[in-house]
N, C-alpha and C. Protein backbone atom coordinates (compact mmCIF):
# COMPACT_ATOMS: atom_id res chain seq x y z
N MET A 1 12.97 -19.15 23.98
CA MET A 1 13.03 -20.58 22.91
C MET A 1 12.08 -20.14 21.92
N THR A 2 11.72 -19.72 20.85
CA THR A 2 10.81 -19.29 20.34
C THR A 2 10.07 -20.31 19.57
N ARG A 3 8.45 -20.04 19.63
CA ARG A 3 7.67 -21.09 18.92
C ARG A 3 7.09 -21.03 17.86
N GLN A 4 6.84 -22.11 16.88
CA GLN A 4 6.15 -22.01 15.83
C GLN A 4 4.73 -21.56 15.82
N CYS A 5 4.14 -20.99 14.84
CA CYS A 5 2.91 -20.02 14.90
C CYS A 5 2.24 -21.58 14.63
N SER A 6 0.92 -21.80 14.93
CA SER A 6 0.18 -22.77 15.13
C SER A 6 -1.03 -22.64 14.33
N GLY A 7 -1.12 -21.41 13.29
CA GLY A 7 -1.92 -21.68 12.20
C GLY A 7 -1.69 -22.38 11.45
N ILE A 8 -2.80 -22.27 10.21
CA ILE A 8 -2.83 -23.04 8.98
C ILE A 8 -2.89 -22.07 7.83
N THR A 9 -1.70 -22.45 7.03
CA THR A 9 -2.14 -21.45 5.46
C THR A 9 -3.22 -21.86 4.78
N ARG A 10 -3.22 -20.70 3.88
CA ARG A 10 -4.36 -21.88 2.86
C ARG A 10 -4.16 -22.40 2.04
N SER A 11 -2.72 -22.72 1.90
CA SER A 11 -2.66 -24.40 1.43
C SER A 11 -3.04 -25.44 2.04
N GLY A 12 -3.31 -25.14 3.07
CA GLY A 12 -3.49 -26.48 4.41
C GLY A 12 -2.03 -26.82 5.39
N GLY A 13 -1.27 -26.07 4.79
CA GLY A 13 -0.21 -26.06 5.64
C GLY A 13 0.48 -25.65 7.12
N ARG A 14 1.04 -25.88 7.84
CA ARG A 14 1.62 -24.85 9.27
C ARG A 14 2.19 -23.95 8.75
N CYS A 15 1.61 -22.78 9.51
CA CYS A 15 2.08 -21.48 9.20
C CYS A 15 4.11 -21.59 9.83
N THR A 16 4.91 -21.23 9.28
CA THR A 16 6.31 -21.52 9.52
C THR A 16 6.73 -19.62 10.33
N HIS A 17 5.73 -19.14 10.31
CA HIS A 17 6.07 -17.47 11.12
C HIS A 17 6.65 -17.79 12.71
N THR A 18 6.96 -17.22 13.20
CA THR A 18 7.22 -17.30 14.60
C THR A 18 5.89 -16.72 15.28
N ALA A 19 5.66 -17.81 16.57
CA ALA A 19 4.44 -17.11 17.37
C ALA A 19 4.90 -16.07 18.24
N LYS A 20 4.32 -15.14 18.59
CA LYS A 20 4.11 -13.84 19.48
C LYS A 20 3.34 -14.01 20.43
N GLY A 21 3.79 -13.67 22.00
CA GLY A 21 2.71 -13.62 22.87
C GLY A 21 2.34 -14.45 23.12
N PRO A 22 1.41 -14.44 24.07
CA PRO A 22 0.81 -16.13 24.44
C PRO A 22 -0.58 -16.69 23.86
N SER A 23 -0.51 -15.84 22.81
CA SER A 23 -1.72 -16.64 21.53
C SER A 23 -1.31 -18.27 21.06
N GLY A 24 0.03 -17.96 20.82
CA GLY A 24 0.77 -19.22 19.70
C GLY A 24 0.35 -18.99 18.57
N PHE A 25 0.22 -17.56 17.95
CA PHE A 25 -0.35 -17.47 16.76
C PHE A 25 1.07 -16.17 16.21
N CYS A 26 1.28 -16.25 14.99
CA CYS A 26 1.92 -14.80 14.26
C CYS A 26 0.86 -13.81 14.15
N HIS A 27 1.60 -12.77 13.92
CA HIS A 27 0.54 -11.54 13.48
C HIS A 27 -0.70 -11.81 12.58
N LEU A 28 -0.12 -12.77 11.58
CA LEU A 28 -1.15 -13.30 10.36
C LEU A 28 -2.72 -13.84 10.81
N HIS A 29 -2.06 -14.64 11.72
CA HIS A 29 -3.02 -15.53 12.45
C HIS A 29 -3.60 -15.53 13.69
N ASP A 30 -3.23 -14.59 14.32
CA ASP A 30 -3.53 -14.14 15.92
C ASP A 30 -5.06 -13.64 15.36
N PRO A 31 -6.24 -14.12 16.09
CA PRO A 31 -7.53 -13.89 16.49
C PRO A 31 -7.68 -12.28 17.21
N ALA A 32 -7.35 -12.32 17.60
CA ALA A 32 -6.79 -10.78 18.33
C ALA A 32 -6.77 -9.77 17.49
N ARG A 33 -5.84 -10.18 16.40
CA ARG A 33 -5.71 -9.19 15.49
C ARG A 33 -6.45 -8.97 13.89
N ALA A 34 -7.06 -9.61 14.48
CA ALA A 34 -8.39 -9.75 12.70
C ALA A 34 -9.07 -8.64 12.25
N SER A 35 -9.24 -7.39 13.13
CA SER A 35 -10.18 -6.39 12.80
C SER A 35 -9.19 -5.40 12.10
N GLU A 36 -7.56 -5.65 12.74
CA GLU A 36 -6.65 -5.08 12.29
C GLU A 36 -6.31 -5.78 10.99
N ARG A 37 -6.36 -6.38 11.03
CA ARG A 37 -5.81 -6.97 9.31
C ARG A 37 -6.84 -7.15 8.32
N SER A 38 -8.15 -6.87 8.51
CA SER A 38 -9.46 -6.12 8.00
C SER A 38 -9.12 -5.03 7.69
N ARG A 39 -9.23 -4.38 8.25
CA ARG A 39 -8.97 -2.71 7.92
C ARG A 39 -7.61 -2.56 7.07
N SER A 40 -6.73 -3.24 7.38
CA SER A 40 -5.23 -2.88 6.30
C SER A 40 -6.06 -3.75 4.92
N ALA A 41 -6.55 -4.97 5.11
CA ALA A 41 -6.91 -5.26 3.56
C ALA A 41 -7.89 -4.26 2.85
N SER A 42 -8.64 -4.27 3.63
CA SER A 42 -9.78 -2.61 3.32
C SER A 42 -9.47 -1.70 2.47
N ARG A 43 -8.18 -1.00 3.24
CA ARG A 43 -7.49 0.30 2.90
C ARG A 43 -6.60 -0.50 1.48
N ALA A 44 -5.86 -1.38 1.37
CA ALA A 44 -5.31 -2.09 0.13
C ALA A 44 -6.35 -2.20 -0.98
N GLY A 45 -7.64 -2.66 -0.54
CA GLY A 45 -8.33 -2.80 -1.83
C GLY A 45 -9.20 -1.18 -2.19
N LYS A 46 -8.92 -0.51 -1.21
CA LYS A 46 -9.71 1.11 -2.11
C LYS A 46 -8.52 1.36 -2.83
N SER A 47 -6.86 1.19 -2.95
CA SER A 47 -6.41 1.72 -3.35
C SER A 47 -6.22 1.94 -5.01
N THR A 48 -6.16 3.20 -5.64
CA THR A 48 -6.30 3.55 -6.84
C THR A 48 -5.38 3.49 -7.58
N GLY A 49 -4.02 3.50 -6.72
CA GLY A 49 -2.53 3.97 -7.14
C GLY A 49 -2.58 2.97 -8.75
N GLY A 50 -2.43 1.72 -8.42
CA GLY A 50 -2.14 0.72 -9.35
C GLY A 50 -2.99 0.87 -10.39
N ARG A 51 -4.14 0.83 -10.41
CA ARG A 51 -5.08 1.11 -12.28
C ARG A 51 -4.52 2.93 -12.63
N GLU A 52 -4.10 4.02 -11.77
CA GLU A 52 -3.44 4.70 -12.44
C GLU A 52 -2.36 4.53 -13.13
N ILE A 53 -1.38 3.86 -12.33
CA ILE A 53 -0.19 3.64 -12.94
C ILE A 53 -0.39 2.92 -14.33
N ARG A 54 -0.84 2.05 -14.03
CA ARG A 54 -1.35 1.22 -15.33
C ARG A 54 -1.79 2.07 -16.54
N ASP A 55 -2.90 3.09 -15.85
CA ASP A 55 -3.12 3.95 -17.25
C ASP A 55 -2.16 4.62 -17.53
N LEU A 56 -1.03 5.48 -17.06
CA LEU A 56 -0.41 6.27 -17.34
C LEU A 56 0.59 5.68 -18.25
N LYS A 57 0.99 4.31 -17.70
CA LYS A 57 1.77 3.43 -18.90
C LYS A 57 1.44 3.14 -19.92
N LYS A 58 0.22 2.80 -20.22
CA LYS A 58 -0.67 2.82 -21.28
C LYS A 58 -0.53 3.59 -22.18
N ARG A 59 -0.63 4.74 -21.30
CA ARG A 59 -0.87 6.27 -21.71
C ARG A 59 0.39 6.68 -22.90
N ILE A 60 1.12 6.74 -22.01
CA ILE A 60 2.86 6.83 -22.48
C ILE A 60 3.58 5.84 -24.01
N SER A 61 2.89 4.95 -23.50
CA SER A 61 3.53 3.95 -24.78
C SER A 61 2.83 3.77 -26.10
N GLU A 62 1.32 4.58 -25.90
CA GLU A 62 0.36 4.81 -26.78
C GLU A 62 1.16 6.03 -27.57
N VAL A 63 1.65 6.94 -26.88
CA VAL A 63 1.81 7.80 -27.58
C VAL A 63 3.78 7.73 -27.89
N VAL A 64 4.14 6.57 -27.54
CA VAL A 64 6.01 6.41 -28.14
C VAL A 64 5.71 5.66 -29.46
N GLU A 65 4.51 5.04 -29.83
CA GLU A 65 4.33 3.86 -30.69
C GLU A 65 3.78 4.53 -31.74
N ALA A 66 2.82 5.81 -31.57
CA ALA A 66 2.33 6.41 -32.52
C ALA A 66 3.36 7.28 -32.77
N VAL A 67 4.73 7.47 -32.59
CA VAL A 67 5.66 8.80 -32.83
C VAL A 67 6.54 7.51 -33.63
N LEU A 68 6.74 6.18 -33.05
CA LEU A 68 7.89 5.60 -33.71
C LEU A 68 6.87 5.04 -35.22
N GLU A 69 5.56 4.83 -35.22
CA GLU A 69 4.80 4.42 -36.56
C GLU A 69 4.63 5.82 -37.38
N GLY A 70 4.81 6.68 -37.28
CA GLY A 70 5.19 8.20 -37.28
C GLY A 70 3.69 8.72 -38.32
N SER A 71 2.67 8.37 -36.86
CA SER A 71 1.21 8.65 -37.16
C SER A 71 0.84 9.85 -35.91
N GLN A 72 2.00 10.10 -35.47
CA GLN A 72 2.28 11.25 -34.46
C GLN A 72 3.33 12.22 -34.46
N ASP A 73 2.89 13.37 -34.83
CA ASP A 73 3.91 14.38 -35.05
C ASP A 73 5.12 14.34 -33.20
N ARG A 74 6.42 14.36 -33.73
CA ARG A 74 6.93 14.44 -32.60
C ARG A 74 7.16 15.69 -31.62
N GLY A 75 6.83 16.56 -32.07
CA GLY A 75 6.49 18.08 -30.95
C GLY A 75 5.71 17.59 -30.19
N ARG A 76 4.34 17.29 -30.99
CA ARG A 76 3.21 16.84 -30.34
C ARG A 76 3.23 15.93 -29.01
N ALA A 77 4.01 15.03 -29.58
CA ALA A 77 4.48 13.81 -28.54
C ALA A 77 5.13 14.08 -27.76
N ALA A 78 6.31 14.82 -27.90
CA ALA A 78 6.78 15.47 -26.60
C ALA A 78 5.97 16.22 -25.37
N VAL A 79 5.19 17.00 -26.17
CA VAL A 79 4.36 18.11 -25.19
C VAL A 79 3.27 16.91 -24.26
N ALA A 80 3.14 16.05 -24.72
CA ALA A 80 2.19 15.01 -24.27
C ALA A 80 2.91 14.12 -23.30
N ILE A 81 4.00 13.82 -23.74
CA ILE A 81 5.21 13.39 -22.44
C ILE A 81 5.17 13.94 -21.30
N GLN A 82 5.40 15.18 -21.96
CA GLN A 82 5.85 15.87 -20.80
C GLN A 82 4.27 16.25 -19.59
N GLY A 83 3.30 16.53 -20.59
CA GLY A 83 2.01 16.30 -19.59
C GLY A 83 1.93 15.32 -18.87
N LEU A 84 2.23 14.05 -19.33
CA LEU A 84 2.11 12.74 -18.46
C LEU A 84 3.01 12.42 -17.59
N THR A 85 4.15 13.65 -17.75
CA THR A 85 5.64 13.33 -16.84
C THR A 85 4.73 14.42 -15.45
N ALA A 86 4.07 15.43 -15.57
CA ALA A 86 3.38 16.24 -14.83
C ALA A 86 2.34 15.54 -14.16
N LEU A 87 1.64 14.94 -14.91
CA LEU A 87 0.80 13.20 -13.74
C LEU A 87 1.21 12.60 -12.77
N ARG A 88 2.26 12.45 -13.82
CA ARG A 88 3.12 11.24 -12.88
C ARG A 88 3.35 12.09 -11.74
N SER A 89 3.92 13.22 -11.65
CA SER A 89 4.71 13.57 -10.63
C SER A 89 3.39 13.92 -9.59
N VAL A 90 2.29 14.29 -10.15
CA VAL A 90 1.21 14.38 -9.12
C VAL A 90 0.67 12.93 -8.34
N LEU A 91 0.59 12.04 -9.09
CA LEU A 91 0.70 11.13 -8.61
C LEU A 91 1.17 10.36 -7.45
N GLU A 92 2.42 11.13 -7.73
CA GLU A 92 3.34 10.73 -6.35
C GLU A 92 3.47 11.47 -5.09
N LEU A 93 3.29 12.54 -5.99
CA LEU A 93 2.45 13.73 -4.26
C LEU A 93 1.35 12.80 -3.96
N GLU A 94 0.01 12.34 -4.64
CA GLU A 94 -1.23 12.08 -3.61
C GLU A 94 -0.62 10.65 -3.19
N ARG A 95 0.50 9.86 -3.55
CA ARG A 95 0.66 9.12 -2.49
C ARG A 95 1.29 9.30 -1.45
N LYS A 96 2.62 10.30 -1.59
CA LYS A 96 3.31 10.65 -0.28
C LYS A 96 2.05 11.04 0.99
N VAL A 97 1.47 12.07 0.30
CA VAL A 97 0.30 12.90 0.81
C VAL A 97 -0.60 12.15 1.90
N ARG A 98 -1.03 11.15 1.23
CA ARG A 98 -2.01 9.74 1.79
C ARG A 98 -1.41 8.74 2.91
N GLU A 99 0.01 8.61 2.63
CA GLU A 99 0.96 7.80 3.67
C GLU A 99 1.35 8.94 4.72
N GLY A 100 1.12 9.67 4.53
CA GLY A 100 1.54 10.61 5.91
C GLY A 100 0.49 11.10 6.50
N ASP A 101 -0.50 10.78 6.03
CA ASP A 101 -1.83 10.95 6.57
C ASP A 101 -2.31 9.75 7.13
N GLU A 102 -1.87 8.58 6.58
CA GLU A 102 -2.18 7.13 7.38
C GLU A 102 -0.92 7.05 8.66
N LEU A 103 0.29 7.48 8.37
CA LEU A 103 1.32 7.21 9.64
C LEU A 103 0.40 8.63 10.69
N GLU A 104 0.32 9.66 10.31
CA GLU A 104 -0.03 10.58 11.62
C GLU A 104 -1.64 10.09 12.11
N ALA A 105 -2.51 9.16 11.51
CA ALA A 105 -3.60 9.09 12.22
C ALA A 105 -3.21 7.63 13.29
N ARG A 106 -2.47 6.71 12.57
CA ARG A 106 -1.60 5.91 13.49
C ARG A 106 -1.01 6.15 14.66
N ILE A 107 0.15 7.18 14.56
CA ILE A 107 0.21 7.98 15.84
C ILE A 107 -0.34 8.14 16.86
N GLU A 108 -1.31 9.00 15.91
CA GLU A 108 -2.09 9.78 17.14
C GLU A 108 -3.14 8.37 17.72
N GLU A 109 -3.25 7.38 17.42
CA GLU A 109 -4.01 6.20 17.74
C GLU A 109 -2.83 5.76 18.91
N LEU A 110 -1.95 5.62 18.51
CA LEU A 110 -0.65 5.38 19.41
C LEU A 110 -0.63 5.86 20.53
N GLU A 111 -0.71 7.12 20.22
CA GLU A 111 -0.33 8.09 21.54
C GLU A 111 -2.00 8.43 22.13
N GLN A 112 -3.43 8.45 21.74
CA GLN A 112 -4.53 8.18 22.48
C GLN A 112 -4.38 6.77 23.59
N THR A 113 -3.93 6.13 22.99
CA THR A 113 -3.97 4.52 23.79
C THR A 113 -2.75 4.19 24.29
N ARG A 114 -2.36 3.61 25.09
CA ARG A 114 -1.39 2.58 25.92
C ARG A 114 -1.65 1.82 26.92
N GLU A 115 -0.79 0.96 27.28
CA GLU A 115 -1.16 -0.29 28.06
C GLU A 115 -1.84 0.60 29.93
N GLY A 116 -3.16 0.12 29.91
CA GLY A 116 -3.96 0.84 30.98
C GLY A 116 -4.50 2.14 30.53
N GLY A 117 -4.48 2.29 29.39
CA GLY A 117 -5.65 3.37 28.75
C GLY A 117 -5.06 4.73 29.27
N LYS A 118 -3.58 4.78 29.58
CA LYS A 118 -3.00 5.77 30.12
C LYS A 118 -2.83 6.76 28.95
N ARG A 119 -2.55 7.75 28.72
CA ARG A 119 -1.93 8.54 27.74
C ARG A 119 -0.46 8.75 27.70
N TRP A 120 -0.03 8.74 26.63
CA TRP A 120 1.67 8.65 26.67
C TRP A 120 1.81 10.14 26.93
N GLU A 121 3.01 10.33 27.46
CA GLU A 121 3.64 12.01 28.02
C GLU A 121 5.04 12.35 26.72
N ALA A 122 4.60 13.28 26.33
CA ALA A 122 5.49 14.07 25.33
C ALA A 122 7.15 14.31 25.48
């Protein structure tokens, strides 16, 4: 039988997630996972991807608007868009590398520790 989490949400209501393990809490409310949640929130707060994407969208919109207004030469605008497209590709590559690095670190952590402190065998 599944149990409902004993945690209380920010709005003051009872959490609707399923409790995992003997703690009676879901992964979002389990006190034993507080440091893990803190690390995740810290990584999310350091992310620059959202700001860079917004900046890129703004710059593309400015170029398009200038062309439509007639204040920007279409040839120069085409070259600018090509440059911005290259920048977008670099941002995507950076994101993939960062994700790969994070996954590698998580895998290494899992391989180093397991139940009883014994190392996993490959």
